[in-house]
Amino acid sequence: MTQYFSDAVVEFLHQQGFEYVAFNPGASFRGVHDSLVHEDNAAIAPSIVMACHEEIAVAIAHGYYKASNRHMAVFTHANVGLLHASMALFNAWCDRVPLFVVGGNGPLAADLRRPWIDWIHTSQHLPKVVEDFVKWSDQPIGQRATLESLYRAHQLMDSGMKAPVFVTLDFDVQEQRLEDGVRLLPADAARPAVLPALDSRAAGELAARLRASRLPVLVVDFSGQDPRTLRPLVALAEATGAAVVDRGNRLSFPSTHPQNVSGIEGDLLAAADLVIALDVQDLASALGAFLDLDDRGAPPPGTHVVTIGPGELLTSKWSADHMPLVPVAQAHSAQVLGSVEALLAALAAAPGDASGARERAERTGRLAAAHHKARATWAAEAERCAGQERMAVSSAVARIHEAVRDEEWVIVNSGSVTVDTWVRRLWPLERPLSCLGLNGGGGLGYGPGASVGAALAHKGDGTLCIDLQSDGDFLFTPSALWSLSAYDVPLLVVVMNNRQYQNSTRHAERIAAARDRATEHAHIGTGFEENPVDFVTLARAYNVHALERVESLDGVVPAITEAVAWIKEHGRPVLVELLTE
């Protein structure tokens, strides 16, 4: 049997455990496409997830990884496909998600190019489009070099700080017959390097500080990317009586735990004398929420700030996603899970005295009282808003939970900052990976594709996957509904339709007010009220089952209940549109 280099690429994907590959089809990787569908490769080829846009294909892989910590490969077509994919790659970069993206390129050998199309779809250095927001990129020439690049990319995306990688496949190389002697490397050649945890000395010193602290605070953020971290973090908080602030890029700590004071940290933690930040992206904002930082961004005297995580190992020369520099007492480039376990071991080796135990008990009592008061206040606010003429987001979020609370649910996308905030206030987020959060980069168009990928990761396991989908984000990439329907992905899409780009509307109101101008024009150029979108009809056009639009709060529970029953019976997606404020 004649083998082509593209067959070896498929063998590589199989060897490294890729179950799926997502793409919008393009001629620049037609060789690999043929190998993926060739009958002789049927036993090893990853399943294809076709998308109607490269931004959607990348987002599908993004959501798939966040839901499962498993990789889905992505192929992009030449120049134009990568340009379409670039927004989604930026989201993944900011969201610290390792994506394996391979881009077809036209023949670098000019004499092999077809007239016109191969010339405009061939780049001298294709990775330049995205190289400032991927961890590593390469444009190899030749079969051996290409295989080595694929292994290196796979290794690097998961080493230390996780992030996307990009490798090009030359049009001609992938279509060549496999050269004699070209074969795969051992599977473990792509094994990532492991970042060490805190050593015993550093862990012992920090444990001593924790025992002596009057008000220790754990700030968590991306630590929840590894679901194994949640349980030891809870143990660490309980052993030390520390307050916990979850910044929300991942679900890193149970929202219902009495020591979780996220969203109410303010004056409550102003006297913190020890802050341990675990894989925190925006440390300045995290600390500024409860400490009085000086004009250099430094914490007040007497507050000892320690950072643990891989953040310093990866920065972009192009994007300022590294955030403001905060002077800290100690910065450890270390694995979070192992470091938390090392701290627990150090605490167990030298437990505190009885007076320290009393102080911890009193402190956790104060934290618990503040925690329970805040959650009761938020629930009361949602109930108070239930009487509004236009459905409040808070009330809708509460009713959706009421309808699904007995299910094994996962919120695969929480739509917008407003929706995400109310989910964290009202829903019991207790299981690792039960709320996957937002897009990371602030780029609209993420939600539909990412939700498809996350629900695909859960397909067949009985989990109810819920996409709390903002309307503006949806309108960037509505054709993700095609992939959702085509692959029978069981997903509950709840469109929170306020008929506006609310963030832009609020900005328009603020700038008008600041200039002492009328705010009633803020909706111009920021909303859809005068020409509304019918999301129900849109979904049905893509063969997605959709219920009639819900315009009153009383209709939310019946509609969601009906939608969940339909998903269970048919194993296919359902869309419910809610008209909100």
Protein backbone atom coordinates (compact mmCIF):
# COMPACT_ATOMS: atom_id res chain seq x y z
CA MET A 1 0.00 0.00 0.00
CA THR A 2 1.36 3.41 -0.96
CA GLN A 3 1.68 5.77 2.01
CA TYR A 4 1.80 9.52 1.81
CA PHE A 5 3.23 11.94 4.32
CA SER A 6 -0.30 13.04 5.24
CA ASP A 7 -0.96 9.45 6.37
CA ALA A 8 1.94 9.82 8.81
CA VAL A 9 0.32 13.01 10.14
CA VAL A 10 -2.86 11.04 10.86
CA GLU A 11 -0.79 8.32 12.55
CA PHE A 12 0.78 11.03 14.73
CA LEU A 13 -2.65 12.34 15.77
CA HIS A 14 -3.70 8.81 16.68
CA GLN A 15 -0.49 8.13 18.59
CA GLN A 16 -0.97 11.28 20.68
CA GLY A 17 -4.57 10.45 21.56
CA PHE A 18 -6.51 12.98 19.50
CA GLU A 19 -10.08 11.70 19.22
CA TYR A 20 -11.32 14.66 17.16
CA VAL A 21 -10.04 17.16 14.64
CA ALA A 22 -12.03 20.32 13.90
CA PHE A 23 -11.84 22.40 10.77
CA ASN A 24 -13.57 24.29 8.03
CA PRO A 25 -12.39 22.48 4.88
CA GLY A 26 -9.68 24.04 2.75
CA ALA A 27 -7.53 22.94 -0.19
CA SER A 28 -4.26 23.77 1.57
CA PHE A 29 -4.62 20.70 3.80
CA ARG A 30 -6.42 18.51 1.29
CA GLY A 31 -3.70 15.85 1.64
CA VAL A 32 -4.40 15.43 5.36
CA HIS A 33 -8.13 15.61 4.71
CA ASP A 34 -7.84 12.69 2.30
CA SER A 35 -5.84 10.70 4.86
CA LEU A 36 -8.44 11.39 7.55
CA VAL A 37 -11.26 9.93 5.44
CA HIS A 38 -9.25 7.18 3.67
CA GLU A 39 -10.75 3.78 4.47
CA ASP A 40 -7.36 2.22 5.26
CA ASN A 41 -6.97 4.79 8.07
CA ALA A 42 -10.47 4.30 9.47
CA ALA A 43 -9.23 2.51 12.60
CA ILE A 44 -6.85 5.30 13.61
CA ALA A 45 -8.15 8.56 12.16
CA PRO A 46 -9.67 11.07 14.59
CA SER A 47 -13.32 11.89 13.98
CA ILE A 48 -13.90 15.06 11.97
CA VAL A 49 -15.91 17.93 13.44
CA MET A 50 -16.69 20.24 10.56
CA ALA A 51 -17.37 23.88 11.33
CA CYS A 52 -18.70 26.65 9.11
CA HIS A 53 -15.97 29.10 10.15
CA GLU A 54 -12.40 28.74 11.43
CA GLU A 55 -13.20 30.89 14.47
CA ILE A 56 -15.83 28.32 15.40
CA ALA A 57 -13.46 25.38 14.81
CA VAL A 58 -10.88 26.83 17.20
CA ALA A 59 -13.57 27.69 19.77
CA ILE A 60 -14.87 24.11 19.61
CA ALA A 61 -11.42 22.81 20.52
CA HIS A 62 -11.16 25.51 23.21
CA GLY A 63 -14.39 24.46 24.90
CA TYR A 64 -13.58 20.76 24.49
CA TYR A 65 -10.32 21.20 26.39
CA LYS A 66 -11.84 23.29 29.19
CA ALA A 67 -14.52 20.66 29.76
CA SER A 68 -12.25 17.62 29.69
CA ASN A 69 -8.53 18.57 29.75
CA ARG A 70 -8.28 16.56 26.53
CA HIS A 71 -7.01 17.91 23.23
CA MET A 72 -8.83 18.30 19.94
CA ALA A 73 -6.65 19.13 16.93
CA VAL A 74 -7.57 22.05 14.68
CA PHE A 75 -6.66 22.53 11.01
CA THR A 76 -6.84 25.93 9.35
CA HIS A 77 -6.71 26.78 5.66
CA ALA A 78 -3.76 28.81 4.39
CA ASN A 79 -3.73 32.58 4.88
CA VAL A 80 -7.44 33.30 4.93
CA GLY A 81 -8.36 30.45 7.26
CA LEU A 82 -5.73 31.43 9.81
CA LEU A 83 -6.85 35.05 9.66
CA HIS A 84 -10.40 33.92 10.44
CA ALA A 85 -9.10 31.74 13.28
CA SER A 86 -6.89 34.42 14.81
CA MET A 87 -9.56 35.90 17.11
CA ALA A 88 -10.32 32.52 18.64
CA LEU A 89 -6.61 31.82 19.06
CA PHE A 90 -6.25 35.10 20.94
CA ASN A 91 -9.10 34.08 23.25
CA ALA A 92 -7.34 30.78 23.93
CA TRP A 93 -4.03 32.55 24.56
CA CYS A 94 -5.58 34.85 27.16
CA ASP A 95 -7.53 31.93 28.62
CA ARG A 96 -4.35 29.84 28.97
CA VAL A 97 -5.77 26.97 26.93
CA PRO A 98 -3.32 24.71 25.06
CA LEU A 99 -4.57 24.24 21.52
CA PHE A 100 -2.85 22.17 18.82
CA VAL A 101 -3.42 24.13 15.62
CA VAL A 102 -2.01 23.08 12.25
CA GLY A 103 -2.27 25.36 9.24
CA GLY A 104 -2.09 24.38 5.62
CA ASN A 105 0.09 26.59 3.44
CA GLY A 106 0.42 26.85 -0.33
CA PRO A 107 3.54 25.34 -1.94
CA LEU A 108 6.65 27.26 -0.90
CA ALA A 109 8.25 26.06 -4.11
CA ALA A 110 6.90 28.64 -6.56
CA ASP A 111 7.02 26.32 -9.57
CA LEU A 112 4.46 24.04 -7.87
CA ARG A 113 1.82 26.72 -7.38
CA ARG A 114 -1.42 26.74 -9.33
CA PRO A 115 -2.23 30.03 -11.06
CA TRP A 116 -3.66 32.80 -8.88
CA ILE A 117 -5.12 30.91 -5.89
CA ASP A 118 -1.90 29.24 -4.71
CA TRP A 119 -0.08 32.55 -4.99
CA ILE A 120 -2.49 34.52 -2.80
CA HIS A 121 -2.83 31.57 -0.39
CA THR A 122 0.89 30.99 0.12
CA SER A 123 2.76 32.83 2.83
CA GLN A 124 6.51 33.20 3.21
CA HIS A 125 6.03 32.97 6.96
CA LEU A 126 2.46 31.98 7.76
CA PRO A 127 2.93 31.85 11.58
CA LYS A 128 3.58 35.61 11.59
CA VAL A 129 -0.20 36.12 11.62
CA VAL A 130 -0.48 34.62 15.12
CA GLU A 131 3.07 34.25 16.45
CA ASP A 132 2.60 36.98 19.08
CA PHE A 133 -0.21 35.11 20.81
CA VAL A 134 0.80 31.49 20.49
CA LYS A 135 3.39 29.84 22.69
CA TRP A 136 5.43 28.43 19.82
CA SER A 137 5.13 28.34 16.05
CA ASP A 138 7.07 26.88 13.15
CA GLN A 139 7.02 26.63 9.38
CA PRO A 140 9.08 23.48 8.73
CA ILE A 141 10.24 22.33 5.30
CA GLY A 142 10.43 18.64 4.52
CA GLN A 143 8.96 15.51 6.02
CA ARG A 144 11.39 14.87 8.89
CA ALA A 145 11.37 18.50 9.99
CA THR A 146 7.57 18.62 9.93
CA LEU A 147 7.21 15.54 12.10
CA GLU A 148 9.69 16.94 14.60
CA SER A 149 7.80 20.23 14.72
CA LEU A 150 4.54 18.43 15.44
CA TYR A 151 6.11 16.62 18.38
CA ARG A 152 7.75 19.77 19.71
CA ALA A 153 4.52 21.76 19.45
CA HIS A 154 2.60 19.07 21.33
CA GLN A 155 5.22 19.02 24.07
CA LEU A 156 5.44 22.78 24.49
CA MET A 157 1.72 23.56 24.61
CA ASP A 158 1.36 21.58 27.87
CA SER A 159 4.71 22.46 29.48
CA GLY A 160 4.61 25.06 32.26
CA MET A 161 2.14 27.78 31.34
CA LYS A 162 -0.31 26.23 28.88
CA ALA A 163 -1.08 28.04 25.63
CA PRO A 164 -1.83 27.44 21.92
CA VAL A 165 0.81 26.38 19.41
CA PHE A 166 0.83 26.60 15.61
CA VAL A 167 2.64 24.56 12.94
CA THR A 168 2.30 24.90 9.17
CA LEU A 169 2.02 22.01 6.71
CA ASP A 170 3.39 22.76 3.28
CA PHE A 171 0.89 21.87 0.54
CA ASP A 172 3.45 19.88 -1.43
CA VAL A 173 5.09 18.09 1.53
CA GLN A 174 1.84 16.64 2.87
CA GLU A 175 0.97 15.26 -0.59
CA GLN A 176 4.35 13.62 -1.16
CA ARG A 177 4.82 9.89 -0.88
CA LEU A 178 6.28 8.97 2.50
CA GLU A 179 10.04 8.96 2.20
CA ASP A 180 12.04 5.88 3.12
CA GLY A 181 13.14 5.99 6.74
CA VAL A 182 10.63 8.66 7.79
CA ARG A 183 8.67 7.32 10.74
CA LEU A 184 7.09 8.54 13.93
CA LEU A 185 9.09 9.26 17.04
CA PRO A 186 8.23 7.40 20.26
CA ALA A 187 4.95 8.61 21.75
CA ASP A 188 6.63 10.04 24.84
CA ALA A 189 8.72 12.40 22.67
CA ALA A 190 5.75 14.77 23.01
CA ARG A 191 5.48 14.37 26.78
CA PRO A 192 5.42 17.83 28.40
CA ALA A 193 8.05 19.02 30.84
CA VAL A 194 6.74 19.09 34.39
CA LEU A 195 7.05 22.26 36.45
CA PRO A 196 8.25 21.41 39.98
CA ALA A 197 6.27 22.20 43.11
CA LEU A 198 7.53 24.24 46.05
CA ASP A 199 10.47 22.49 47.65
CA SER A 200 10.26 21.41 51.28
CA ARG A 201 12.16 24.44 52.57
CA ALA A 202 9.97 27.00 50.79
CA ALA A 203 6.83 25.09 51.75
CA GLY A 204 7.93 24.94 55.39
CA GLU A 205 8.64 28.67 55.56
CA LEU A 206 5.31 29.55 53.96
CA ALA A 207 3.43 27.11 56.20
CA ALA A 208 4.97 28.86 59.22
CA ARG A 209 3.72 32.20 57.91
CA LEU A 210 0.26 30.72 57.45
CA ARG A 211 0.16 29.48 61.02
CA ALA A 212 1.27 32.88 62.36
CA SER A 213 -0.97 35.00 60.13
CA ARG A 214 -3.78 37.04 61.67
CA LEU A 215 -5.73 37.11 58.39
CA PRO A 216 -4.39 34.90 55.59
CA VAL A 217 -6.00 35.11 52.15
CA LEU A 218 -5.81 32.61 49.29
CA VAL A 219 -6.49 34.20 45.90
CA VAL A 220 -7.18 31.58 43.23
CA ASP A 221 -7.74 31.95 39.51
CA PHE A 222 -6.40 29.48 36.92
CA SER A 223 -5.56 26.89 39.57
CA GLY A 224 -8.86 25.18 38.81
CA GLN A 225 -7.64 24.28 35.33
CA ASP A 226 -6.43 21.06 36.97
CA PRO A 227 -9.57 19.67 38.64
CA ARG A 228 -7.46 17.74 41.13
CA THR A 229 -6.49 21.03 42.79
CA LEU A 230 -9.91 21.88 44.21
CA ARG A 231 -9.98 19.29 47.01
CA PRO A 232 -6.51 20.06 48.46
CA LEU A 233 -7.25 23.80 48.19
CA VAL A 234 -10.34 23.31 50.34
CA ALA A 235 -8.22 21.34 52.82
CA LEU A 236 -5.60 24.11 52.89
CA ALA A 237 -8.20 26.80 53.50
CA GLU A 238 -9.83 24.82 56.29
CA ALA A 239 -6.51 23.92 57.92
CA THR A 240 -5.41 27.56 58.06
CA GLY A 241 -8.71 29.42 58.41
CA ALA A 242 -7.82 31.43 55.32
CA ALA A 243 -10.29 33.55 53.42
CA VAL A 244 -10.58 32.57 49.77
CA VAL A 245 -11.16 34.83 46.78
CA ASP A 246 -11.86 33.06 43.48
CA ARG A 247 -11.16 35.35 40.52
CA GLY A 248 -13.24 33.14 38.24
CA ASN A 249 -11.09 32.28 35.22
CA ARG A 250 -11.65 28.71 36.35
CA LEU A 251 -13.81 27.22 39.09
CA SER A 252 -11.03 26.87 41.66
CA PHE A 253 -12.99 26.82 44.93
CA PRO A 254 -16.61 25.92 45.80
CA SER A 255 -18.85 28.97 45.64
CA THR A 256 -20.87 27.68 48.61
CA HIS A 257 -17.90 27.13 50.95
CA PRO A 258 -18.26 29.42 53.99
CA GLN A 259 -14.68 30.69 53.61
CA ASN A 260 -15.33 31.81 50.02
CA VAL A 261 -15.73 35.59 50.18
CA SER A 262 -15.46 36.31 46.45
CA GLY A 263 -17.31 39.48 45.55
CA ILE A 264 -17.46 40.79 49.12
CA GLU A 265 -13.74 40.92 49.92
CA GLY A 266 -13.60 44.75 50.16
CA ASP A 267 -13.31 45.94 53.77
CA LEU A 268 -13.63 42.36 55.02
CA LEU A 269 -10.03 41.58 54.06
CA ALA A 270 -8.46 45.03 54.33
CA ALA A 271 -6.34 43.87 57.29
CA ALA A 272 -4.90 40.85 55.45
CA ASP A 273 -1.28 40.32 56.46
CA LEU A 274 -0.56 37.33 54.18
CA VAL A 275 -1.83 36.80 50.63
CA ILE A 276 -0.98 33.68 48.64
CA ALA A 277 -1.96 34.08 44.98
CA LEU A 278 -2.27 30.77 43.14
CA ASP A 279 -1.96 31.12 39.35
CA VAL A 280 -3.59 34.56 39.35
CA GLN A 281 -3.59 36.44 36.05
CA ASP A 282 -4.49 39.98 37.11
CA LEU A 283 -2.87 40.28 40.52
CA ALA A 284 -3.22 44.08 40.63
CA SER A 285 -7.01 43.93 40.33
CA ALA A 286 -7.22 40.96 42.69
CA LEU A 287 -5.27 42.72 45.44
CA GLY A 288 -6.83 46.11 44.73
CA ALA A 289 -10.25 44.70 45.52
CA PHE A 290 -9.37 44.54 49.23
CA LEU A 291 -5.97 46.18 49.81
CA ASP A 292 -4.95 49.82 49.52
CA LEU A 293 -2.18 49.59 46.92
CA ASP A 294 0.18 52.57 46.73
CA ASP A 295 1.00 54.58 43.60
CA ARG A 296 3.57 51.93 42.59
CA GLY A 297 1.00 49.15 42.85
CA ALA A 298 2.65 47.79 45.98
CA PRO A 299 0.60 46.32 48.86
CA PRO A 300 0.57 48.15 52.19
CA PRO A 301 3.40 47.63 54.70
CA GLY A 302 2.75 44.54 56.79
CA THR A 303 1.08 42.60 53.97
CA HIS A 304 3.25 39.75 52.69
CA VAL A 305 2.25 38.73 49.15
CA VAL A 306 3.41 35.43 47.66
CA THR A 307 2.67 34.23 44.13
CA ILE A 308 2.76 30.58 43.05
CA GLY A 309 2.20 29.48 39.46
CA PRO A 310 3.62 29.45 35.96
CA GLY A 311 2.53 32.96 34.95
CA GLU A 312 5.99 34.52 34.70
CA LEU A 313 7.07 31.83 32.23
CA LEU A 314 4.95 33.14 29.36
CA THR A 315 4.36 36.70 28.19
CA SER A 316 3.47 38.22 24.85
CA LYS A 317 5.55 40.92 23.22
CA TRP A 318 2.40 42.14 21.47
CA SER A 319 -0.47 41.85 23.96
CA ALA A 320 -0.50 43.44 27.40
CA ASP A 321 -2.32 40.48 28.92
CA HIS A 322 0.53 40.22 31.45
CA MET A 323 -1.33 42.95 33.43
CA PRO A 324 0.28 45.55 35.77
CA LEU A 325 3.46 44.58 37.60
CA VAL A 326 2.89 44.13 41.33
CA PRO A 327 5.88 44.19 43.70
CA VAL A 328 5.58 41.04 45.81
CA ALA A 329 7.61 39.54 48.63
CA GLN A 330 8.06 36.16 46.97
CA ALA A 331 7.34 34.81 43.49
CA HIS A 332 7.52 31.07 42.86
CA SER A 333 7.36 29.62 39.35
CA ALA A 334 5.91 26.36 40.51
CA GLN A 335 3.15 23.85 39.87
CA VAL A 336 0.08 24.80 41.91
CA LEU A 337 -1.28 21.34 42.75
CA GLY A 338 2.04 20.01 44.03
CA SER A 339 2.70 23.25 45.92
CA VAL A 340 -0.64 23.12 47.74
CA GLU A 341 0.04 19.51 48.65
CA ALA A 342 3.51 20.49 49.89
CA LEU A 343 1.97 23.21 52.09
CA LEU A 344 -0.51 20.73 53.54
CA ALA A 345 2.32 18.32 54.31
CA ALA A 346 4.35 21.07 56.00
CA LEU A 347 1.36 22.14 58.09
CA ALA A 348 0.69 18.56 59.16
CA ALA A 349 4.34 18.10 60.17
CA ALA A 350 4.23 21.01 62.62
CA PRO A 351 0.67 21.70 63.76
CA GLY A 352 -0.13 24.91 65.62
CA ASP A 353 -1.00 25.32 69.28
CA ALA A 354 -4.42 25.50 70.92
CA SER A 355 -4.54 29.31 70.94
CA GLY A 356 -3.90 29.32 67.17
CA ALA A 357 -6.76 26.88 66.71
CA ARG A 358 -9.11 29.18 68.63
CA GLU A 359 -8.08 32.14 66.51
CA ARG A 360 -8.67 30.16 63.31
CA ALA A 361 -12.10 29.08 64.53
CA GLU A 362 -13.08 32.68 65.34
CA ARG A 363 -11.79 33.88 61.98
CA THR A 364 -13.62 31.22 59.98
CA GLY A 365 -16.77 32.06 61.95
CA ARG A 366 -16.54 35.70 60.86
CA LEU A 367 -15.87 34.70 57.28
CA ALA A 368 -18.79 32.26 57.29
CA ALA A 369 -21.17 34.89 58.64
CA ALA A 370 -20.16 37.32 55.89
CA HIS A 371 -20.39 34.59 53.25
CA HIS A 372 -23.90 33.48 54.23
CA LYS A 373 -25.13 37.07 54.56
CA ALA A 374 -23.88 37.90 51.06
CA ARG A 375 -25.48 34.86 49.43
CA ALA A 376 -28.76 35.56 51.20
CA THR A 377 -28.61 39.19 50.03
CA TRP A 378 -27.95 38.13 46.43
CA ALA A 379 -30.84 35.64 46.51
CA ALA A 380 -33.13 38.33 47.91
CA GLU A 381 -32.05 40.73 45.17
CA ALA A 382 -32.90 38.18 42.49
CA GLU A 383 -36.29 37.63 44.10
CA ARG A 384 -36.93 41.37 44.41
CA CYS A 385 -36.22 41.79 40.68
CA ALA A 386 -38.71 39.03 39.88
CA GLY A 387 -41.48 41.61 39.86
CA GLN A 388 -39.98 43.67 37.02
CA GLU A 389 -41.86 44.02 33.75
CA ARG A 390 -38.80 42.98 31.72
CA MET A 391 -37.10 39.81 32.91
CA ALA A 392 -34.05 40.55 35.09
CA VAL A 393 -30.91 38.53 34.44
CA SER A 394 -30.57 37.74 38.14
CA SER A 395 -34.09 36.36 38.34
CA ALA A 396 -33.72 34.39 35.11
CA VAL A 397 -30.47 32.82 36.32
CA ALA A 398 -32.18 31.83 39.58
CA ARG A 399 -35.16 30.27 37.76
CA ILE A 400 -32.94 28.33 35.37
CA HIS A 401 -31.18 26.75 38.34
CA GLU A 402 -34.53 25.96 39.92
CA ALA A 403 -35.44 23.96 36.81
CA VAL A 404 -32.16 21.99 36.60
CA ARG A 405 -31.04 21.70 40.22
CA ASP A 406 -31.67 17.94 40.35
CA GLU A 407 -29.62 17.29 37.20
CA GLU A 408 -25.88 16.65 36.89
CA TRP A 409 -25.27 19.94 35.11
CA VAL A 410 -22.28 21.80 33.72
CA ILE A 411 -22.38 25.43 32.66
CA VAL A 412 -20.22 25.28 29.55
CA ASN A 413 -20.46 29.01 28.85
CA SER A 414 -21.70 31.77 31.12
CA GLY A 415 -22.21 34.27 28.35
CA SER A 416 -21.32 37.69 29.71
CA VAL A 417 -19.81 39.27 32.80
CA THR A 418 -23.31 40.05 34.08
CA VAL A 419 -24.62 36.51 33.64
CA ASP A 420 -21.39 34.97 34.94
CA THR A 421 -21.55 37.14 38.07
CA TRP A 422 -25.09 36.05 38.89
CA VAL A 423 -24.30 32.40 38.24
CA ARG A 424 -21.46 32.56 40.77
CA ARG A 425 -23.70 34.33 43.27
CA LEU A 426 -26.74 32.07 42.97
CA TRP A 427 -25.71 28.62 41.74
CA PRO A 428 -23.97 26.04 43.95
CA LEU A 429 -20.70 25.72 42.03
CA GLU A 430 -19.04 22.90 43.92
CA ARG A 431 -17.74 20.30 41.47
CA PRO A 432 -14.51 20.80 39.51
CA LEU A 433 -15.16 21.83 35.90
CA SER A 434 -18.86 22.43 36.62
CA CYS A 435 -18.64 26.05 35.41
CA LEU A 436 -16.22 26.75 32.57
CA GLY A 437 -16.51 30.54 32.62
CA LEU A 438 -15.91 33.11 29.90
CA ASN A 439 -13.73 33.42 26.82
CA GLY A 440 -10.48 34.73 28.27
CA GLY A 441 -9.75 37.34 25.61
CA GLY A 442 -12.97 39.33 25.52
CA GLY A 443 -13.49 38.36 21.88
CA LEU A 444 -17.11 37.94 20.89
CA GLY A 445 -18.07 34.80 19.00
CA TYR A 446 -16.59 32.39 21.54
CA GLY A 447 -19.73 31.04 23.21
CA PRO A 448 -21.49 29.05 20.47
CA GLY A 449 -18.43 27.13 19.31
CA ALA A 450 -16.93 26.59 22.76
CA SER A 451 -20.26 25.26 24.00
CA VAL A 452 -20.38 22.75 21.14
CA GLY A 453 -16.90 21.54 22.03
CA ALA A 454 -17.59 21.30 25.76
CA ALA A 455 -20.86 19.44 25.23
CA LEU A 456 -19.14 17.11 22.76
CA ALA A 457 -16.64 16.25 25.51
CA HIS A 458 -19.59 15.20 27.71
CA LYS A 459 -21.58 13.44 25.01
CA GLY A 460 -22.88 10.12 26.28
CA ASP A 461 -22.06 10.61 29.97
CA GLY A 462 -25.49 11.89 31.06
CA THR A 463 -24.31 15.40 31.94
CA LEU A 464 -26.70 18.24 31.17
CA CYS A 465 -24.55 20.85 29.40
CA ILE A 466 -25.94 24.39 29.58
CA ASP A 467 -24.86 27.34 27.45
CA LEU A 468 -26.08 30.60 28.98
CA GLN A 469 -25.62 32.40 25.71
CA SER A 470 -25.55 36.18 25.34
CA ASP A 471 -27.29 37.38 22.19
CA GLY A 472 -24.54 39.67 20.89
CA ASP A 473 -21.87 36.96 21.17
CA PHE A 474 -24.21 34.52 19.43
CA LEU A 475 -24.64 36.77 16.40
CA PHE A 476 -20.91 36.65 15.66
CA THR A 477 -20.88 32.89 15.05
CA PRO A 478 -24.47 31.58 14.74
CA SER A 479 -23.44 28.92 12.22
CA ALA A 480 -22.00 26.95 15.14
CA LEU A 481 -25.59 25.71 15.34
CA TRP A 482 -24.87 23.70 12.20
CA SER A 483 -22.11 21.71 13.93
CA LEU A 484 -24.30 21.37 17.02
CA SER A 485 -27.07 19.81 14.96
CA ALA A 486 -24.94 17.83 12.52
CA TYR A 487 -23.18 15.89 15.28
CA ASP A 488 -26.22 15.45 17.54
CA VAL A 489 -24.53 17.23 20.43
CA PRO A 490 -26.89 17.32 23.43
CA LEU A 491 -26.72 20.92 24.61
CA LEU A 492 -29.21 23.26 26.22
CA VAL A 493 -28.69 26.69 24.65
CA VAL A 494 -30.40 29.44 26.64
CA VAL A 495 -30.17 32.72 24.73
CA MET A 496 -30.25 35.63 27.15
CA ASN A 497 -31.65 38.15 24.67
CA ASN A 498 -31.58 41.76 25.87
CA ARG A 499 -31.53 43.02 22.26
CA GLN A 500 -28.38 45.07 22.75
CA TYR A 501 -24.63 44.97 23.13
CA GLN A 502 -25.16 45.87 26.77
CA ASN A 503 -21.54 46.65 27.60
CA SER A 504 -21.37 49.14 24.73
CA THR A 505 -24.71 50.65 25.72
CA ARG A 506 -23.46 51.20 29.27
CA HIS A 507 -20.27 52.81 27.98
CA ALA A 508 -22.32 55.11 25.77
CA GLU A 509 -24.42 56.11 28.79
CA ARG A 510 -21.33 56.78 30.91
CA ILE A 511 -19.56 58.95 28.35
CA ALA A 512 -22.72 60.94 27.66
CA ALA A 513 -23.31 61.50 31.38
CA ALA A 514 -19.67 62.48 31.94
CA ARG A 515 -20.06 65.12 29.21
CA ASP A 516 -23.40 66.28 30.63
CA ARG A 517 -25.23 65.11 27.51
CA ALA A 518 -28.50 63.24 27.09
CA THR A 519 -28.19 59.48 27.66
CA GLU A 520 -31.34 58.46 25.75
CA HIS A 521 -29.32 58.08 22.55
CA ALA A 522 -27.04 55.41 24.05
CA HIS A 523 -28.95 52.64 22.26
CA ILE A 524 -28.09 54.00 18.79
CA GLY A 525 -25.50 51.75 17.21
CA THR A 526 -25.49 49.42 20.22
CA GLY A 527 -28.82 47.60 20.05
CA PHE A 528 -31.28 45.50 18.06
CA GLU A 529 -34.55 46.70 19.57
CA GLU A 530 -35.77 48.33 16.34
CA ASN A 531 -34.82 45.30 14.23
CA PRO A 532 -34.86 42.30 16.60
CA VAL A 533 -33.43 38.89 15.76
CA ASP A 534 -35.69 35.83 16.00
CA PHE A 535 -33.36 33.29 17.59
CA VAL A 536 -36.04 30.61 17.60
CA THR A 537 -36.39 30.73 13.82
CA LEU A 538 -32.61 30.97 13.46
CA ALA A 539 -32.13 27.76 15.44
CA ARG A 540 -34.79 25.91 13.50
CA ALA A 541 -33.12 26.91 10.24
CA TYR A 542 -30.10 24.89 11.42
CA ASN A 543 -32.29 21.91 12.43
CA VAL A 544 -31.96 22.66 16.13
CA HIS A 545 -35.12 22.11 18.14
CA ALA A 546 -36.28 25.42 19.63
CA LEU A 547 -39.16 26.29 21.95
CA GLU A 548 -41.23 29.42 21.61
CA ARG A 549 -39.59 32.55 23.01
CA VAL A 550 -40.11 33.09 26.75
CA GLU A 551 -41.03 36.68 27.59
CA SER A 552 -42.07 36.39 31.25
CA LEU A 553 -40.26 35.03 34.27
CA ASP A 554 -43.12 32.63 35.02
CA GLY A 555 -42.39 30.83 31.76
CA VAL A 556 -38.72 30.07 32.50
CA VAL A 557 -39.05 26.97 34.67
CA PRO A 558 -41.66 25.27 32.42
CA ALA A 559 -39.60 26.00 29.28
CA ILE A 560 -36.30 24.78 30.74
CA THR A 561 -37.99 21.70 32.18
CA GLU A 562 -39.49 20.89 28.78
CA ALA A 563 -36.16 21.45 27.05
CA VAL A 564 -34.29 19.14 29.46
CA ALA A 565 -36.88 16.40 28.94
CA TRP A 566 -36.50 16.74 25.16
CA ILE A 567 -32.73 16.44 25.37
CA LYS A 568 -33.04 13.30 27.50
CA GLU A 569 -35.51 11.73 25.09
CA HIS A 570 -33.80 12.62 21.81
CA GLY A 571 -30.14 13.14 22.73
CA ARG A 572 -30.03 16.29 20.62
CA PRO A 573 -29.71 20.05 21.27
CA VAL A 574 -32.48 22.45 22.24
CA LEU A 575 -32.58 26.25 22.19
CA VAL A 576 -34.63 28.39 24.57
CA GLU A 577 -34.75 32.15 24.03
CA LEU A 578 -35.40 34.40 27.03
CA LEU A 579 -36.27 38.06 26.51
CA THR A 580 -34.37 39.86 29.29
CA GLU A 581 -33.71 43.41 30.43
